[in-house]
Amino acid sequence: MTTITTTDPSGKRARNGSVILTDRLCEKRVAKRVKFYDRKCPGLYVSITTAGVATFSFKFTDRQTGKQRTGWLGLYNPETFTVEDARTKVYGLMGMGGDALVETFRDRKARQAKRGKTVDEIIEERIAWMQTPVRKPDGEMRPRIETWENVASHLRRFLSPRLGKKLAGEVTKHDIATLSNDIVAGRHGGKTSVANARHMRRAASGLFKTGRRKPAATT
């Protein structure tokens, strides 16, 4: 059976730090992309972008091949995928043994490539695209979409918790309409708000238009 070892931050990565990961840390705003490795669960780390998107991954070394491997675990979400959820997932993967673990990540990567991206994945791409600096008509370099922080907030607060794990190509107009109605009624997003529902629909429209993935019509 293949032996696996978890990988601690070293060299350049050490500058990002090894800490005890918390949900609060995952919500931290950063000036540049950073990684934090978890002291409680060796190999687990979170990568946080300037857009506020935190992604959990698991780094380990396959001793049979000597290669370092990284497995994607998921995006941080305070409602559906927290630090403790990520730790539990890593412990479960480590219990599988080396061969099974490597094969699991290989199969997962192949399935994801075949089936397409999730809504959470295209949300992260959309945010990165919006905040990319471009030269404006006045000659200054500013984010492509200057209100990107507001749009990012609407995507993360309203769209991600409900539809984030769903394949982007499987999202229907009915899904968006139901989500909008739930926001208006106060069943999603905290308080009753027509404005928030409108912001969500506008953000969703831009998301699927940019990704060329229009919500499918309900059959």
C-alpha atoms as a PDB file:
ATOM      1  CA  MET A   1       0.000   0.000   0.000  1.00  0.00           C
ATOM      2  CA  THR A   2       1.256   3.484  -0.828  1.00  0.00           C
ATOM      3  CA  THR A   3       2.332   5.541   2.172  1.00  0.00           C
ATOM      4  CA  ILE A   4       1.307   9.169   2.353  1.00  0.00           C
ATOM      5  CA  THR A   5       2.734  12.005   4.376  1.00  0.00           C
ATOM      6  CA  THR A   6       1.167  15.379   4.939  1.00  0.00           C
ATOM      7  CA  THR A   7       3.132  18.422   3.896  1.00  0.00           C
ATOM      8  CA  ASP A   8       3.871  21.367   6.170  1.00  0.00           C
ATOM      9  CA  PRO A   9       4.601  24.828   4.771  1.00  0.00           C
ATOM     10  CA  SER A  10       8.259  25.383   4.016  1.00  0.00           C
ATOM     11  CA  GLY A  11      10.451  27.806   2.120  1.00  0.00           C
ATOM     12  CA  LYS A  12       8.406  30.450   0.358  1.00  0.00           C
ATOM     13  CA  ARG A  13       5.118  29.167   1.745  1.00  0.00           C
ATOM     14  CA  ALA A  14       6.280  29.690   5.306  1.00  0.00           C
ATOM     15  CA  ARG A  15       5.792  33.422   4.839  1.00  0.00           C
ATOM     16  CA  ASN A  16       2.074  32.811   4.607  1.00  0.00           C
ATOM     17  CA  GLY A  17       2.121  31.165   8.033  1.00  0.00           C
ATOM     18  CA  SER A  18       0.945  28.088   9.868  1.00  0.00           C
ATOM     19  CA  VAL A  19      -1.926  28.836  12.231  1.00  0.00           C
ATOM     20  CA  ILE A  20      -4.967  27.245  13.771  1.00  0.00           C
ATOM     21  CA  LEU A  21      -7.539  27.853  11.071  1.00  0.00           C
ATOM     22  CA  THR A  22     -10.828  29.442  12.107  1.00  0.00           C
ATOM     23  CA  ASP A  23     -13.924  30.501  10.228  1.00  0.00           C
ATOM     24  CA  ARG A  24     -13.144  34.091  11.137  1.00  0.00           C
ATOM     25  CA  LEU A  25      -9.719  33.809   9.489  1.00  0.00           C
ATOM     26  CA  CYS A  26     -11.349  32.506   6.303  1.00  0.00           C
ATOM     27  CA  GLU A  27     -13.448  35.677   6.178  1.00  0.00           C
ATOM     28  CA  LYS A  28     -10.407  37.928   6.547  1.00  0.00           C
ATOM     29  CA  ARG A  29      -9.865  40.578   3.874  1.00  0.00           C
ATOM     30  CA  VAL A  30      -6.395  40.446   2.347  1.00  0.00           C
ATOM     31  CA  ALA A  31      -4.376  42.807   0.147  1.00  0.00           C
ATOM     32  CA  LYS A  32      -2.945  39.921  -1.887  1.00  0.00           C
ATOM     33  CA  ARG A  33      -3.590  36.215  -2.244  1.00  0.00           C
ATOM     34  CA  VAL A  34      -2.356  34.298   0.811  1.00  0.00           C
ATOM     35  CA  LYS A  35      -2.289  30.730   2.116  1.00  0.00           C
ATOM     36  CA  PHE A  36      -2.685  29.630   5.718  1.00  0.00           C
ATOM     37  CA  TYR A  37      -1.791  26.078   6.762  1.00  0.00           C
ATOM     38  CA  ASP A  38      -3.681  24.481   9.634  1.00  0.00           C
ATOM     39  CA  ARG A  39      -1.695  23.386  12.694  1.00  0.00           C
ATOM     40  CA  LYS A  40      -4.517  21.152  13.905  1.00  0.00           C
ATOM     41  CA  CYS A  41      -4.846  19.219  10.647  1.00  0.00           C
ATOM     42  CA  PRO A  42      -1.482  18.773   8.843  1.00  0.00           C
ATOM     43  CA  GLY A  43      -1.737  19.209   5.093  1.00  0.00           C
ATOM     44  CA  LEU A  44      -4.932  21.278   5.203  1.00  0.00           C
ATOM     45  CA  TYR A  45      -4.634  24.862   4.027  1.00  0.00           C
ATOM     46  CA  VAL A  46      -6.872  27.689   2.923  1.00  0.00           C
ATOM     47  CA  SER A  47      -6.089  30.058   0.066  1.00  0.00           C
ATOM     48  CA  ILE A  48      -7.742  33.478   0.343  1.00  0.00           C
ATOM     49  CA  THR A  49      -8.035  35.835  -2.617  1.00  0.00           C
ATOM     50  CA  THR A  50      -8.344  39.612  -2.544  1.00  0.00           C
ATOM     51  CA  ALA A  51     -11.992  39.138  -3.522  1.00  0.00           C
ATOM     52  CA  GLY A  52     -12.599  37.356  -0.233  1.00  0.00           C
ATOM     53  CA  VAL A  53     -12.929  33.847  -1.694  1.00  0.00           C
ATOM     54  CA  ALA A  54     -11.404  31.193   0.592  1.00  0.00           C
ATOM     55  CA  THR A  55     -10.610  27.783  -0.902  1.00  0.00           C
ATOM     56  CA  PHE A  56      -9.688  24.691   1.124  1.00  0.00           C
ATOM     57  CA  SER A  57      -7.120  22.231  -0.242  1.00  0.00           C
ATOM     58  CA  PHE A  58      -5.147  19.269   1.074  1.00  0.00           C
ATOM     59  CA  LYS A  59      -1.431  18.855   0.339  1.00  0.00           C
ATOM     60  CA  PHE A  60       0.337  15.531   0.788  1.00  0.00           C
ATOM     61  CA  THR A  61       3.308  13.573  -0.532  1.00  0.00           C
ATOM     62  CA  ASP A  62       2.979  10.181  -2.197  1.00  0.00           C
ATOM     63  CA  ARG A  63       6.069   8.349  -0.956  1.00  0.00           C
ATOM     64  CA  GLN A  64       5.845   5.716  -3.659  1.00  0.00           C
ATOM     65  CA  THR A  65       6.335   8.283  -6.410  1.00  0.00           C
ATOM     66  CA  GLY A  66       7.951  11.000  -4.315  1.00  0.00           C
ATOM     67  CA  LYS A  67       5.574  13.522  -5.829  1.00  0.00           C
ATOM     68  CA  GLN A  68       3.764  16.200  -3.896  1.00  0.00           C
ATOM     69  CA  ARG A  69       0.054  16.262  -4.604  1.00  0.00           C
ATOM     70  CA  THR A  70      -2.722  18.702  -3.843  1.00  0.00           C
ATOM     71  CA  GLY A  71      -6.403  17.896  -3.649  1.00  0.00           C
ATOM     72  CA  TRP A  72      -9.138  20.527  -3.892  1.00  0.00           C
ATOM     73  CA  LEU A  73     -11.645  20.228  -1.036  1.00  0.00           C
ATOM     74  CA  GLY A  74     -14.098  23.066  -1.601  1.00  0.00           C
ATOM     75  CA  LEU A  75     -14.880  26.741  -1.059  1.00  0.00           C
ATOM     76  CA  TYR A  76     -15.394  28.110   2.422  1.00  0.00           C
ATOM     77  CA  ASN A  77     -19.015  28.892   3.170  1.00  0.00           C
ATOM     78  CA  PRO A  78     -20.182  29.794   6.694  1.00  0.00           C
ATOM     79  CA  GLU A  79     -23.420  27.884   6.146  1.00  0.00           C
ATOM     80  CA  THR A  80     -22.334  24.810   4.202  1.00  0.00           C
ATOM     81  CA  PHE A  81     -18.544  24.248   4.391  1.00  0.00           C
ATOM     82  CA  THR A  82     -16.629  25.520   7.420  1.00  0.00           C
ATOM     83  CA  VAL A  83     -13.118  24.883   8.762  1.00  0.00           C
ATOM     84  CA  GLU A  84     -14.392  21.950  10.824  1.00  0.00           C
ATOM     85  CA  ASP A  85     -16.069  20.497   7.737  1.00  0.00           C
ATOM     86  CA  ALA A  86     -12.764  20.742   5.861  1.00  0.00           C
ATOM     87  CA  ARG A  87     -10.872  19.052   8.708  1.00  0.00           C
ATOM     88  CA  THR A  88     -13.411  16.240   8.862  1.00  0.00           C
ATOM     89  CA  LYS A  89     -13.061  15.738   5.130  1.00  0.00           C
ATOM     90  CA  VAL A  90      -9.253  15.556   5.373  1.00  0.00           C
ATOM     91  CA  TYR A  91      -9.360  13.060   8.250  1.00  0.00           C
ATOM     92  CA  GLY A  92     -11.695  10.887   6.209  1.00  0.00           C
ATOM     93  CA  LEU A  93      -9.431  11.049   3.173  1.00  0.00           C
ATOM     94  CA  MET A  94      -6.335  10.184   5.211  1.00  0.00           C
ATOM     95  CA  GLY A  95      -8.110   7.161   6.623  1.00  0.00           C
ATOM     96  CA  MET A  96      -8.523   5.775   3.121  1.00  0.00           C
ATOM     97  CA  GLY A  97      -4.811   5.012   2.720  1.00  0.00           C
ATOM     98  CA  GLY A  98      -2.360   6.262   0.117  1.00  0.00           C
ATOM     99  CA  ASP A  99      -3.446   4.413  -3.019  1.00  0.00           C
ATOM    100  CA  ALA A 100      -7.137   5.095  -2.460  1.00  0.00           C
ATOM    101  CA  LEU A 101      -6.486   8.751  -1.638  1.00  0.00           C
ATOM    102  CA  VAL A 102      -4.462   9.393  -4.786  1.00  0.00           C
ATOM    103  CA  GLU A 103      -7.038   7.570  -6.895  1.00  0.00           C
ATOM    104  CA  THR A 104      -9.891   9.511  -5.289  1.00  0.00           C
ATOM    105  CA  PHE A 105      -8.405  12.878  -6.245  1.00  0.00           C
ATOM    106  CA  ARG A 106      -7.559  11.602  -9.725  1.00  0.00           C
ATOM    107  CA  ASP A 107     -11.127  10.394 -10.288  1.00  0.00           C
ATOM    108  CA  ARG A 108     -12.576  13.602  -8.859  1.00  0.00           C
ATOM    109  CA  LYS A 109     -10.472  15.743 -11.174  1.00  0.00           C
ATOM    110  CA  ALA A 110     -11.547  13.675 -14.173  1.00  0.00           C
ATOM    111  CA  ARG A 111     -15.220  13.890 -13.191  1.00  0.00           C
ATOM    112  CA  GLN A 112     -15.034  17.653 -12.697  1.00  0.00           C
ATOM    113  CA  ALA A 113     -13.397  18.111 -16.095  1.00  0.00           C
ATOM    114  CA  LYS A 114     -16.098  15.994 -17.713  1.00  0.00           C
ATOM    115  CA  ARG A 115     -19.102  17.507 -16.002  1.00  0.00           C
ATOM    116  CA  GLY A 116     -18.050  21.183 -16.016  1.00  0.00           C
ATOM    117  CA  LYS A 117     -17.661  23.783 -13.292  1.00  0.00           C
ATOM    118  CA  THR A 118     -19.818  24.473 -10.287  1.00  0.00           C
ATOM    119  CA  VAL A 119     -21.516  27.789  -9.596  1.00  0.00           C
ATOM    120  CA  ASP A 120     -18.998  28.467  -6.804  1.00  0.00           C
ATOM    121  CA  GLU A 121     -16.132  27.978  -9.262  1.00  0.00           C
ATOM    122  CA  ILE A 122     -17.504  30.388 -11.854  1.00  0.00           C
ATOM    123  CA  ILE A 123     -18.306  32.881  -9.077  1.00  0.00           C
ATOM    124  CA  GLU A 124     -14.623  32.906  -8.125  1.00  0.00           C
ATOM    125  CA  GLU A 125     -13.647  33.353 -11.787  1.00  0.00           C
ATOM    126  CA  ARG A 126     -16.182  36.154 -12.201  1.00  0.00           C
ATOM    127  CA  ILE A 127     -14.865  38.036  -9.166  1.00  0.00           C
ATOM    128  CA  ALA A 128     -11.274  37.718 -10.365  1.00  0.00           C
ATOM    129  CA  TRP A 129     -12.331  39.006 -13.808  1.00  0.00           C
ATOM    130  CA  MET A 130     -14.230  41.987 -12.376  1.00  0.00           C
ATOM    131  CA  GLN A 131     -11.400  43.186 -10.141  1.00  0.00           C
ATOM    132  CA  THR A 132      -8.676  42.899 -12.786  1.00  0.00           C
ATOM    133  CA  PRO A 133      -7.169  46.376 -13.363  1.00  0.00           C
ATOM    134  CA  VAL A 134      -7.715  47.797 -16.853  1.00  0.00           C
ATOM    135  CA  ARG A 135      -6.900  51.165 -18.361  1.00  0.00           C
ATOM    136  CA  LYS A 136      -9.934  53.442 -18.270  1.00  0.00           C
ATOM    137  CA  PRO A 137     -10.763  56.234 -20.776  1.00  0.00           C
ATOM    138  CA  ASP A 138      -9.127  58.780 -18.443  1.00  0.00           C
ATOM    139  CA  GLY A 139      -5.871  56.830 -18.663  1.00  0.00           C
ATOM    140  CA  GLU A 140      -5.948  55.479 -15.110  1.00  0.00           C
ATOM    141  CA  MET A 141      -5.772  51.803 -14.188  1.00  0.00           C
ATOM    142  CA  ARG A 142      -8.823  50.715 -12.192  1.00  0.00           C
ATOM    143  CA  PRO A 143     -10.820  47.494 -11.682  1.00  0.00           C
ATOM    144  CA  ARG A 144     -12.706  46.373 -14.788  1.00  0.00           C
ATOM    145  CA  ILE A 145     -15.977  46.607 -12.838  1.00  0.00           C
ATOM    146  CA  GLU A 146     -15.477  49.341 -10.249  1.00  0.00           C
ATOM    147  CA  THR A 147     -18.428  48.174  -8.162  1.00  0.00           C
ATOM    148  CA  TRP A 148     -17.024  44.630  -8.099  1.00  0.00           C
ATOM    149  CA  GLU A 149     -17.004  44.425  -4.296  1.00  0.00           C
ATOM    150  CA  ASN A 150     -20.774  44.939  -4.175  1.00  0.00           C
ATOM    151  CA  VAL A 151     -21.368  42.369  -6.907  1.00  0.00           C
ATOM    152  CA  ALA A 152     -19.021  39.901  -5.179  1.00  0.00           C
ATOM    153  CA  SER A 153     -20.965  40.359  -1.952  1.00  0.00           C
ATOM    154  CA  HIS A 154     -24.275  39.637  -3.690  1.00  0.00           C
ATOM    155  CA  LEU A 155     -22.867  36.503  -5.333  1.00  0.00           C
ATOM    156  CA  ARG A 156     -21.366  35.154  -2.111  1.00  0.00           C
ATOM    157  CA  ARG A 157     -24.262  36.076   0.188  1.00  0.00           C
ATOM    158  CA  PHE A 158     -27.195  35.057  -1.946  1.00  0.00           C
ATOM    159  CA  LEU A 159     -26.191  32.794  -4.830  1.00  0.00           C
ATOM    160  CA  SER A 160     -23.386  30.685  -3.339  1.00  0.00           C
ATOM    161  CA  PRO A 161     -25.158  29.303  -0.235  1.00  0.00           C
ATOM    162  CA  ARG A 162     -28.122  28.031  -2.274  1.00  0.00           C
ATOM    163  CA  LEU A 163     -26.621  27.100  -5.658  1.00  0.00           C
ATOM    164  CA  GLY A 164     -22.843  27.078  -5.129  1.00  0.00           C
ATOM    165  CA  LYS A 165     -22.378  23.303  -5.239  1.00  0.00           C
ATOM    166  CA  LYS A 166     -24.616  22.879  -8.269  1.00  0.00           C
ATOM    167  CA  LEU A 167     -23.138  22.520 -11.741  1.00  0.00           C
ATOM    168  CA  ALA A 168     -23.406  25.842 -13.555  1.00  0.00           C
ATOM    169  CA  GLY A 169     -24.865  24.151 -16.622  1.00  0.00           C
ATOM    170  CA  GLU A 170     -27.678  22.655 -14.538  1.00  0.00           C
ATOM    171  CA  VAL A 171     -28.951  25.911 -13.020  1.00  0.00           C
ATOM    172  CA  THR A 172     -32.422  26.713 -14.331  1.00  0.00           C
ATOM    173  CA  LYS A 173     -34.451  29.890 -14.586  1.00  0.00           C
ATOM    174  CA  HIS A 174     -36.735  28.307 -12.011  1.00  0.00           C
ATOM    175  CA  ASP A 175     -33.798  28.059  -9.571  1.00  0.00           C
ATOM    176  CA  ILE A 176     -33.108  31.782  -9.932  1.00  0.00           C
ATOM    177  CA  ALA A 177     -36.792  32.698  -9.653  1.00  0.00           C
ATOM    178  CA  THR A 178     -37.249  30.551  -6.535  1.00  0.00           C
ATOM    179  CA  LEU A 179     -34.173  32.089  -4.929  1.00  0.00           C
ATOM    180  CA  SER A 180     -35.431  35.588  -5.750  1.00  0.00           C
ATOM    181  CA  ASN A 181     -38.830  34.852  -4.207  1.00  0.00           C
ATOM    182  CA  ASP A 182     -37.204  33.428  -1.074  1.00  0.00           C
ATOM    183  CA  ILE A 183     -35.071  36.558  -0.653  1.00  0.00           C
ATOM    184  CA  VAL A 184     -38.137  38.790  -1.033  1.00  0.00           C
ATOM    185  CA  ALA A 185     -39.994  36.680   1.542  1.00  0.00           C
ATOM    186  CA  GLY A 186     -37.078  36.700   3.982  1.00  0.00           C
ATOM    187  CA  ARG A 187     -36.532  32.933   3.761  1.00  0.00           C
ATOM    188  CA  HIS A 188     -32.988  33.406   2.437  1.00  0.00           C
ATOM    189  CA  GLY A 189     -30.406  36.082   3.154  1.00  0.00           C
ATOM    190  CA  GLY A 190     -31.759  37.181   6.507  1.00  0.00           C
ATOM    191  CA  LYS A 191     -34.369  39.888   6.094  1.00  0.00           C
ATOM    192  CA  THR A 192     -37.204  40.574   3.676  1.00  0.00           C
ATOM    193  CA  SER A 193     -35.764  42.639   0.832  1.00  0.00           C
ATOM    194  CA  VAL A 194     -36.964  43.373  -2.678  1.00  0.00           C
ATOM    195  CA  ALA A 195     -33.739  45.296  -3.320  1.00  0.00           C
ATOM    196  CA  ASN A 196     -31.548  42.319  -2.389  1.00  0.00           C
ATOM    197  CA  ALA A 197     -33.545  40.085  -4.718  1.00  0.00           C
ATOM    198  CA  ARG A 198     -32.992  42.580  -7.530  1.00  0.00           C
ATOM    199  CA  HIS A 199     -29.259  42.762  -6.770  1.00  0.00           C
ATOM    200  CA  MET A 200     -29.050  38.963  -6.785  1.00  0.00           C
ATOM    201  CA  ARG A 201     -30.794  38.664 -10.167  1.00  0.00           C
ATOM    202  CA  ARG A 202     -28.529  41.302 -11.690  1.00  0.00           C
ATOM    203  CA  ALA A 203     -25.395  39.631 -10.288  1.00  0.00           C
ATOM    204  CA  ALA A 204     -26.585  36.214 -11.477  1.00  0.00           C
ATOM    205  CA  SER A 205     -27.300  37.573 -14.953  1.00  0.00           C
ATOM    206  CA  GLY A 206     -23.779  38.952 -15.241  1.00  0.00           C
ATOM    207  CA  LEU A 207     -22.309  35.734 -13.864  1.00  0.00           C
ATOM    208  CA  PHE A 208     -23.944  33.403 -16.362  1.00  0.00           C
ATOM    209  CA  LYS A 209     -23.566  35.829 -19.260  1.00  0.00           C
ATOM    210  CA  THR A 210     -19.809  36.167 -18.690  1.00  0.00           C
ATOM    211  CA  GLY A 211     -19.472  32.415 -18.263  1.00  0.00           C
ATOM    212  CA  ARG A 212     -21.665  31.880 -21.334  1.00  0.00           C
ATOM    213  CA  ARG A 213     -23.864  29.653 -19.234  1.00  0.00           C
ATOM    214  CA  LYS A 214     -27.408  30.942 -19.358  1.00  0.00           C
ATOM    215  CA  PRO A 215     -29.734  29.229 -16.880  1.00  0.00           C
ATOM    216  CA  ALA A 216     -31.618  26.514 -18.693  1.00  0.00           C
ATOM    217  CA  ALA A 217     -35.337  26.779 -19.214  1.00  0.00           C
ATOM    218  CA  THR A 218     -37.361  24.598 -16.867  1.00  0.00           C
ATOM    219  CA  THR A 219     -38.859  21.593 -18.576  1.00  0.00           C
END
